[in-house]
Amino acid sequence: MGWAGYVVLGKAASTRLGGSRGLALGMAVGAVCVLPFGVAGSGAALFDPWTMTLGLGVALLSSVLPYSAEMAVLRRMPARVFAVLLSLEPAVAALVGLTLLHETLGWPHLLGIGGVVAASLGAITGRPDRSG
């Protein structure tokens, strides 16, 4: 349900607001929502220049750049196709973990990823019978 909402609302926001304004608004709201927890947990250490520099780097690499790319794609691609491609992210992450970090997954994880990939392929190639 969360991914479906993300795709539908992301498509609407990227189309209506254009550019990166929807993303900037979402990031600002998210930052305001979590800031009190960060301050409560870390206090003044959160405002250390080195910590803030690292936080900015993490924000750019983990949120701003990927989500900007996703919003740009959502403006040009049907939400259904985007949702299918988005569901393949766990398989890509597993391959990156295996090749770059030499991480291995257990059978339950591999079966789960296989199920997601199979469902994605079924959604792309399957044609519903509309005759009735």
N, C-alpha and C. Protein backbone atom coordinates (compact mmCIF):
# COMPACT_ATOMS: atom_id res chain seq x y z
N MET A 1 0.82 -1.20 0.00
CA MET A 1 0.00 0.00 0.00
C MET A 1 0.86 1.26 0.00
N GLY A 2 1.96 1.23 0.76
CA GLY A 2 2.85 2.38 0.82
C GLY A 2 3.51 2.68 -0.52
N TRP A 3 3.99 1.62 -1.22
CA TRP A 3 4.61 1.83 -2.53
C TRP A 3 3.59 2.34 -3.53
N ALA A 4 2.39 1.81 -3.49
CA ALA A 4 1.35 2.26 -4.42
C ALA A 4 1.05 3.75 -4.19
N GLY A 5 0.95 4.14 -2.94
CA GLY A 5 0.73 5.55 -2.64
C GLY A 5 1.88 6.41 -3.11
N TYR A 6 3.11 5.91 -2.92
CA TYR A 6 4.29 6.64 -3.37
C TYR A 6 4.25 6.87 -4.87
N VAL A 7 3.91 5.83 -5.62
CA VAL A 7 3.89 5.94 -7.08
C VAL A 7 2.78 6.89 -7.53
N VAL A 8 1.58 6.71 -6.99
CA VAL A 8 0.46 7.55 -7.42
C VAL A 8 0.67 9.01 -7.01
N LEU A 9 1.02 9.24 -5.74
CA LEU A 9 1.23 10.62 -5.27
C LEU A 9 2.47 11.24 -5.91
N GLY A 10 3.52 10.44 -6.12
CA GLY A 10 4.72 10.96 -6.78
C GLY A 10 4.44 11.38 -8.20
N LYS A 11 3.64 10.59 -8.90
CA LYS A 11 3.26 10.93 -10.28
C LYS A 11 2.47 12.24 -10.30
N ALA A 12 1.52 12.36 -9.38
CA ALA A 12 0.70 13.58 -9.32
C ALA A 12 1.56 14.80 -8.96
N ALA A 13 2.42 14.65 -7.97
CA ALA A 13 3.25 15.78 -7.55
C ALA A 13 4.23 16.19 -8.63
N SER A 14 4.86 15.21 -9.28
CA SER A 14 5.85 15.55 -10.30
C SER A 14 5.20 16.19 -11.52
N THR A 15 3.96 15.79 -11.81
CA THR A 15 3.26 16.35 -12.96
C THR A 15 2.73 17.76 -12.64
N ARG A 16 2.11 17.91 -11.47
CA ARG A 16 1.49 19.19 -11.12
C ARG A 16 2.48 20.27 -10.74
N LEU A 17 3.49 19.91 -9.95
CA LEU A 17 4.43 20.91 -9.47
C LEU A 17 5.58 21.16 -10.43
N GLY A 18 5.93 20.15 -11.22
CA GLY A 18 7.00 20.31 -12.19
C GLY A 18 8.36 20.49 -11.53
N GLY A 19 9.38 20.26 -12.29
CA GLY A 19 10.74 20.42 -11.79
C GLY A 19 10.96 19.60 -10.54
N SER A 20 11.67 20.19 -9.61
CA SER A 20 11.99 19.50 -8.36
C SER A 20 11.25 20.11 -7.17
N ARG A 21 10.24 20.93 -7.43
CA ARG A 21 9.53 21.58 -6.32
C ARG A 21 8.81 20.58 -5.43
N GLY A 22 8.19 19.56 -6.02
CA GLY A 22 7.51 18.56 -5.21
C GLY A 22 8.47 17.80 -4.34
N LEU A 23 9.63 17.45 -4.90
CA LEU A 23 10.66 16.75 -4.13
C LEU A 23 11.18 17.64 -3.01
N ALA A 24 11.43 18.90 -3.30
CA ALA A 24 11.93 19.82 -2.27
C ALA A 24 10.92 19.96 -1.14
N LEU A 25 9.65 20.06 -1.48
CA LEU A 25 8.61 20.16 -0.46
C LEU A 25 8.56 18.90 0.40
N GLY A 26 8.61 17.74 -0.24
CA GLY A 26 8.58 16.48 0.50
C GLY A 26 9.79 16.32 1.41
N MET A 27 10.96 16.67 0.93
CA MET A 27 12.17 16.58 1.76
C MET A 27 12.10 17.55 2.94
N ALA A 28 11.59 18.76 2.71
CA ALA A 28 11.49 19.74 3.79
C ALA A 28 10.52 19.25 4.87
N VAL A 29 9.38 18.72 4.45
CA VAL A 29 8.41 18.19 5.42
C VAL A 29 9.02 17.03 6.19
N GLY A 30 9.70 16.12 5.50
CA GLY A 30 10.35 15.00 6.17
C GLY A 30 11.40 15.46 7.17
N ALA A 31 12.20 16.45 6.80
CA ALA A 31 13.23 16.96 7.70
C ALA A 31 12.62 17.58 8.95
N VAL A 32 11.56 18.36 8.76
CA VAL A 32 10.90 18.98 9.92
C VAL A 32 10.29 17.92 10.83
N CYS A 33 9.80 16.84 10.26
CA CYS A 33 9.18 15.78 11.07
C CYS A 33 10.20 15.02 11.92
N VAL A 34 11.40 14.80 11.40
CA VAL A 34 12.38 14.01 12.14
C VAL A 34 13.38 14.84 12.95
N LEU A 35 13.46 16.14 12.68
CA LEU A 35 14.42 16.99 13.39
C LEU A 35 14.26 16.94 14.91
N PRO A 36 13.05 17.01 15.46
CA PRO A 36 12.94 16.95 16.93
C PRO A 36 13.52 15.66 17.52
N PHE A 37 13.37 14.55 16.83
CA PHE A 37 13.92 13.28 17.32
C PHE A 37 15.45 13.30 17.28
N GLY A 38 16.01 13.88 16.24
CA GLY A 38 17.46 13.99 16.15
C GLY A 38 18.04 14.88 17.23
N VAL A 39 17.39 16.01 17.47
CA VAL A 39 17.86 16.93 18.51
C VAL A 39 17.70 16.28 19.88
N ALA A 40 16.59 15.58 20.11
CA ALA A 40 16.38 14.93 21.40
C ALA A 40 17.41 13.82 21.63
N GLY A 41 17.80 13.12 20.59
CA GLY A 41 18.74 12.01 20.75
C GLY A 41 20.20 12.43 20.77
N SER A 42 20.54 13.50 20.07
CA SER A 42 21.94 13.88 19.94
C SER A 42 22.26 15.25 20.52
N GLY A 43 21.28 16.07 20.74
CA GLY A 43 21.52 17.38 21.32
C GLY A 43 22.37 18.26 20.42
N ALA A 44 23.29 18.97 21.05
CA ALA A 44 24.14 19.93 20.33
C ALA A 44 25.11 19.25 19.38
N ALA A 45 25.42 17.97 19.61
CA ALA A 45 26.35 17.25 18.72
C ALA A 45 25.82 17.18 17.30
N LEU A 46 24.51 17.27 17.16
CA LEU A 46 23.90 17.24 15.83
C LEU A 46 24.31 18.45 15.00
N PHE A 47 24.65 19.54 15.64
CA PHE A 47 24.98 20.78 14.94
C PHE A 47 26.49 20.98 14.77
N ASP A 48 27.28 19.97 15.06
CA ASP A 48 28.71 20.01 14.81
C ASP A 48 28.94 20.14 13.31
N PRO A 49 29.85 21.02 12.86
CA PRO A 49 30.04 21.22 11.41
C PRO A 49 30.38 19.93 10.66
N TRP A 50 31.21 19.07 11.23
CA TRP A 50 31.56 17.83 10.55
C TRP A 50 30.34 16.92 10.43
N THR A 51 29.56 16.84 11.49
CA THR A 51 28.34 16.02 11.47
C THR A 51 27.35 16.55 10.44
N MET A 52 27.22 17.87 10.38
CA MET A 52 26.30 18.47 9.41
C MET A 52 26.79 18.24 7.98
N THR A 53 28.12 18.28 7.76
CA THR A 53 28.67 18.02 6.43
C THR A 53 28.40 16.58 6.01
N LEU A 54 28.64 15.64 6.93
CA LEU A 54 28.34 14.24 6.63
C LEU A 54 26.85 14.04 6.37
N GLY A 55 26.02 14.68 7.18
CA GLY A 55 24.57 14.57 6.99
C GLY A 55 24.14 15.10 5.63
N LEU A 56 24.73 16.19 5.20
CA LEU A 56 24.41 16.75 3.89
C LEU A 56 24.82 15.79 2.78
N GLY A 57 26.00 15.19 2.93
CA GLY A 57 26.46 14.21 1.93
C GLY A 57 25.53 13.01 1.86
N VAL A 58 25.14 12.50 3.01
CA VAL A 58 24.21 11.36 3.04
C VAL A 58 22.87 11.74 2.42
N ALA A 59 22.38 12.93 2.75
CA ALA A 59 21.10 13.39 2.19
C ALA A 59 21.15 13.48 0.67
N LEU A 60 22.24 14.02 0.15
CA LEU A 60 22.36 14.15 -1.31
C LEU A 60 22.44 12.79 -1.99
N LEU A 61 23.28 11.91 -1.46
CA LEU A 61 23.50 10.63 -2.12
C LEU A 61 22.39 9.62 -1.91
N SER A 62 21.70 9.69 -0.78
CA SER A 62 20.68 8.67 -0.50
C SER A 62 19.27 9.13 -0.80
N SER A 63 19.04 10.43 -0.89
CA SER A 63 17.67 10.90 -1.10
C SER A 63 17.53 11.85 -2.27
N VAL A 64 18.24 12.95 -2.25
CA VAL A 64 18.02 14.00 -3.24
C VAL A 64 18.29 13.50 -4.67
N LEU A 65 19.45 12.92 -4.91
CA LEU A 65 19.77 12.46 -6.27
C LEU A 65 18.86 11.32 -6.73
N PRO A 66 18.69 10.24 -5.94
CA PRO A 66 17.81 9.17 -6.42
C PRO A 66 16.37 9.61 -6.61
N TYR A 67 15.83 10.38 -5.66
CA TYR A 67 14.43 10.78 -5.78
C TYR A 67 14.24 11.80 -6.90
N SER A 68 15.23 12.64 -7.16
CA SER A 68 15.13 13.56 -8.31
C SER A 68 15.05 12.77 -9.60
N ALA A 69 15.86 11.73 -9.71
CA ALA A 69 15.82 10.89 -10.91
C ALA A 69 14.47 10.19 -11.02
N GLU A 70 13.94 9.68 -9.90
CA GLU A 70 12.64 9.00 -9.94
C GLU A 70 11.52 9.95 -10.35
N MET A 71 11.54 11.17 -9.84
CA MET A 71 10.49 12.13 -10.20
C MET A 71 10.58 12.50 -11.67
N ALA A 72 11.79 12.63 -12.19
CA ALA A 72 11.96 12.93 -13.62
C ALA A 72 11.41 11.79 -14.47
N VAL A 73 11.66 10.57 -14.05
CA VAL A 73 11.17 9.40 -14.79
C VAL A 73 9.65 9.31 -14.69
N LEU A 74 9.10 9.57 -13.51
CA LEU A 74 7.65 9.48 -13.32
C LEU A 74 6.88 10.44 -14.24
N ARG A 75 7.49 11.59 -14.56
CA ARG A 75 6.82 12.55 -15.45
C ARG A 75 6.71 12.00 -16.87
N ARG A 76 7.61 11.09 -17.24
CA ARG A 76 7.67 10.60 -18.62
C ARG A 76 7.16 9.18 -18.81
N MET A 77 6.93 8.46 -17.72
CA MET A 77 6.61 7.04 -17.81
C MET A 77 5.27 6.78 -17.12
N PRO A 78 4.48 5.85 -17.65
CA PRO A 78 3.23 5.49 -16.97
C PRO A 78 3.52 4.94 -15.57
N ALA A 79 2.65 5.26 -14.62
CA ALA A 79 2.84 4.85 -13.23
C ALA A 79 2.94 3.33 -13.11
N ARG A 80 2.18 2.58 -13.92
CA ARG A 80 2.19 1.11 -13.86
C ARG A 80 3.57 0.56 -14.20
N VAL A 81 4.19 1.09 -15.25
CA VAL A 81 5.51 0.63 -15.67
C VAL A 81 6.55 1.02 -14.62
N PHE A 82 6.45 2.23 -14.09
CA PHE A 82 7.37 2.67 -13.06
C PHE A 82 7.27 1.79 -11.82
N ALA A 83 6.07 1.43 -11.42
CA ALA A 83 5.87 0.59 -10.24
C ALA A 83 6.52 -0.78 -10.42
N VAL A 84 6.41 -1.33 -11.61
CA VAL A 84 7.04 -2.63 -11.88
C VAL A 84 8.56 -2.50 -11.79
N LEU A 85 9.11 -1.48 -12.39
CA LEU A 85 10.56 -1.29 -12.33
C LEU A 85 11.03 -1.04 -10.90
N LEU A 86 10.24 -0.30 -10.14
CA LEU A 86 10.56 -0.03 -8.75
C LEU A 86 10.58 -1.31 -7.92
N SER A 87 9.74 -2.25 -8.25
CA SER A 87 9.68 -3.50 -7.50
C SER A 87 10.91 -4.38 -7.75
N LEU A 88 11.69 -4.05 -8.76
CA LEU A 88 12.91 -4.82 -9.04
C LEU A 88 14.11 -4.33 -8.23
N GLU A 89 13.95 -3.25 -7.47
CA GLU A 89 15.05 -2.70 -6.69
C GLU A 89 15.68 -3.70 -5.72
N PRO A 90 14.91 -4.56 -5.03
CA PRO A 90 15.57 -5.52 -4.14
C PRO A 90 16.53 -6.47 -4.87
N ALA A 91 16.19 -6.87 -6.07
CA ALA A 91 17.08 -7.75 -6.83
C ALA A 91 18.36 -7.02 -7.21
N VAL A 92 18.24 -5.78 -7.62
CA VAL A 92 19.43 -5.00 -7.98
C VAL A 92 20.29 -4.78 -6.74
N ALA A 93 19.66 -4.48 -5.61
CA ALA A 93 20.41 -4.27 -4.37
C ALA A 93 21.14 -5.54 -3.96
N ALA A 94 20.50 -6.69 -4.12
CA ALA A 94 21.15 -7.96 -3.78
C ALA A 94 22.36 -8.21 -4.68
N LEU A 95 22.23 -7.91 -5.97
CA LEU A 95 23.36 -8.09 -6.89
C LEU A 95 24.52 -7.15 -6.56
N VAL A 96 24.20 -5.91 -6.22
CA VAL A 96 25.25 -4.96 -5.84
C VAL A 96 25.93 -5.43 -4.56
N GLY A 97 25.13 -5.87 -3.57
CA GLY A 97 25.72 -6.37 -2.34
C GLY A 97 26.62 -7.57 -2.57
N LEU A 98 26.22 -8.45 -3.48
CA LEU A 98 27.02 -9.63 -3.78
C LEU A 98 28.33 -9.26 -4.49
N THR A 99 28.24 -8.39 -5.49
CA THR A 99 29.43 -8.09 -6.29
C THR A 99 30.38 -7.11 -5.60
N LEU A 100 29.86 -6.09 -4.95
CA LEU A 100 30.73 -5.08 -4.36
C LEU A 100 31.11 -5.37 -2.91
N LEU A 101 30.19 -5.94 -2.16
CA LEU A 101 30.42 -6.14 -0.73
C LEU A 101 30.63 -7.60 -0.36
N HIS A 102 30.49 -8.49 -1.34
CA HIS A 102 30.64 -9.93 -1.12
C HIS A 102 29.67 -10.45 -0.05
N GLU A 103 28.47 -9.88 -0.04
CA GLU A 103 27.43 -10.32 0.88
C GLU A 103 26.61 -11.42 0.21
N THR A 104 26.21 -12.38 0.98
CA THR A 104 25.34 -13.43 0.45
C THR A 104 24.03 -13.42 1.21
N LEU A 105 22.99 -13.84 0.56
CA LEU A 105 21.66 -13.89 1.16
C LEU A 105 21.28 -15.35 1.37
N GLY A 106 20.46 -15.57 2.38
CA GLY A 106 19.95 -16.91 2.64
C GLY A 106 18.82 -17.25 1.68
N TRP A 107 18.45 -18.53 1.67
CA TRP A 107 17.39 -19.01 0.77
C TRP A 107 16.07 -18.27 0.95
N PRO A 108 15.63 -17.97 2.18
CA PRO A 108 14.35 -17.23 2.30
C PRO A 108 14.40 -15.87 1.61
N HIS A 109 15.53 -15.18 1.73
CA HIS A 109 15.67 -13.88 1.07
C HIS A 109 15.68 -14.02 -0.44
N LEU A 110 16.43 -15.00 -0.92
CA LEU A 110 16.51 -15.23 -2.37
C LEU A 110 15.14 -15.61 -2.94
N LEU A 111 14.40 -16.44 -2.21
CA LEU A 111 13.06 -16.82 -2.66
C LEU A 111 12.12 -15.61 -2.68
N GLY A 112 12.25 -14.76 -1.68
CA GLY A 112 11.44 -13.54 -1.65
C GLY A 112 11.73 -12.63 -2.82
N ILE A 113 13.01 -12.42 -3.09
CA ILE A 113 13.40 -11.59 -4.24
C ILE A 113 12.93 -12.24 -5.53
N GLY A 114 13.07 -13.55 -5.63
CA GLY A 114 12.59 -14.26 -6.82
C GLY A 114 11.09 -14.09 -7.02
N GLY A 115 10.34 -14.12 -5.93
CA GLY A 115 8.89 -13.91 -6.02
C GLY A 115 8.55 -12.51 -6.52
N VAL A 116 9.28 -11.50 -6.03
CA VAL A 116 9.04 -10.13 -6.49
C VAL A 116 9.37 -9.99 -7.96
N VAL A 117 10.49 -10.57 -8.38
CA VAL A 117 10.88 -10.50 -9.79
C VAL A 117 9.85 -11.22 -10.67
N ALA A 118 9.40 -12.39 -10.21
CA ALA A 118 8.40 -13.14 -10.99
C ALA A 118 7.10 -12.35 -11.10
N ALA A 119 6.68 -11.72 -10.03
CA ALA A 119 5.46 -10.91 -10.08
C ALA A 119 5.63 -9.73 -11.02
N SER A 120 6.80 -9.12 -11.01
CA SER A 120 7.07 -8.00 -11.92
C SER A 120 7.03 -8.45 -13.37
N LEU A 121 7.66 -9.59 -13.64
CA LEU A 121 7.63 -10.11 -15.01
C LEU A 121 6.21 -10.47 -15.43
N GLY A 122 5.44 -11.04 -14.51
CA GLY A 122 4.05 -11.36 -14.81
C GLY A 122 3.23 -10.13 -15.10
N ALA A 123 3.49 -9.05 -14.37
CA ALA A 123 2.75 -7.81 -14.60
C ALA A 123 3.10 -7.19 -15.94
N ILE A 124 4.33 -7.36 -16.37
CA ILE A 124 4.75 -6.79 -17.65
C ILE A 124 4.24 -7.62 -18.81
N THR A 125 4.40 -8.95 -18.70
CA THR A 125 4.09 -9.81 -19.84
C THR A 125 2.65 -10.34 -19.83
N GLY A 126 2.04 -10.42 -18.66
CA GLY A 126 0.69 -10.95 -18.59
C GLY A 126 -0.34 -10.01 -19.20
N ARG A 127 -1.29 -10.58 -19.86
CA ARG A 127 -2.37 -9.80 -20.47
C ARG A 127 -3.69 -10.28 -19.90
N PRO A 128 -4.36 -9.40 -19.15
CA PRO A 128 -5.62 -9.84 -18.57
C PRO A 128 -6.68 -10.13 -19.64
N ASP A 129 -7.49 -11.12 -19.38
CA ASP A 129 -8.58 -11.48 -20.29
C ASP A 129 -9.74 -10.52 -20.03
N ARG A 130 -10.01 -9.65 -20.96
CA ARG A 130 -11.08 -8.65 -20.78
C ARG A 130 -12.38 -9.06 -21.45
N SER A 131 -12.43 -10.31 -21.93
CA SER A 131 -13.63 -10.73 -22.64
C SER A 131 -14.77 -11.09 -21.70
N GLY A 132 -14.42 -11.29 -20.43
CA GLY A 132 -15.43 -11.48 -19.60
C GLY A 132 -15.99 -12.22 -18.67
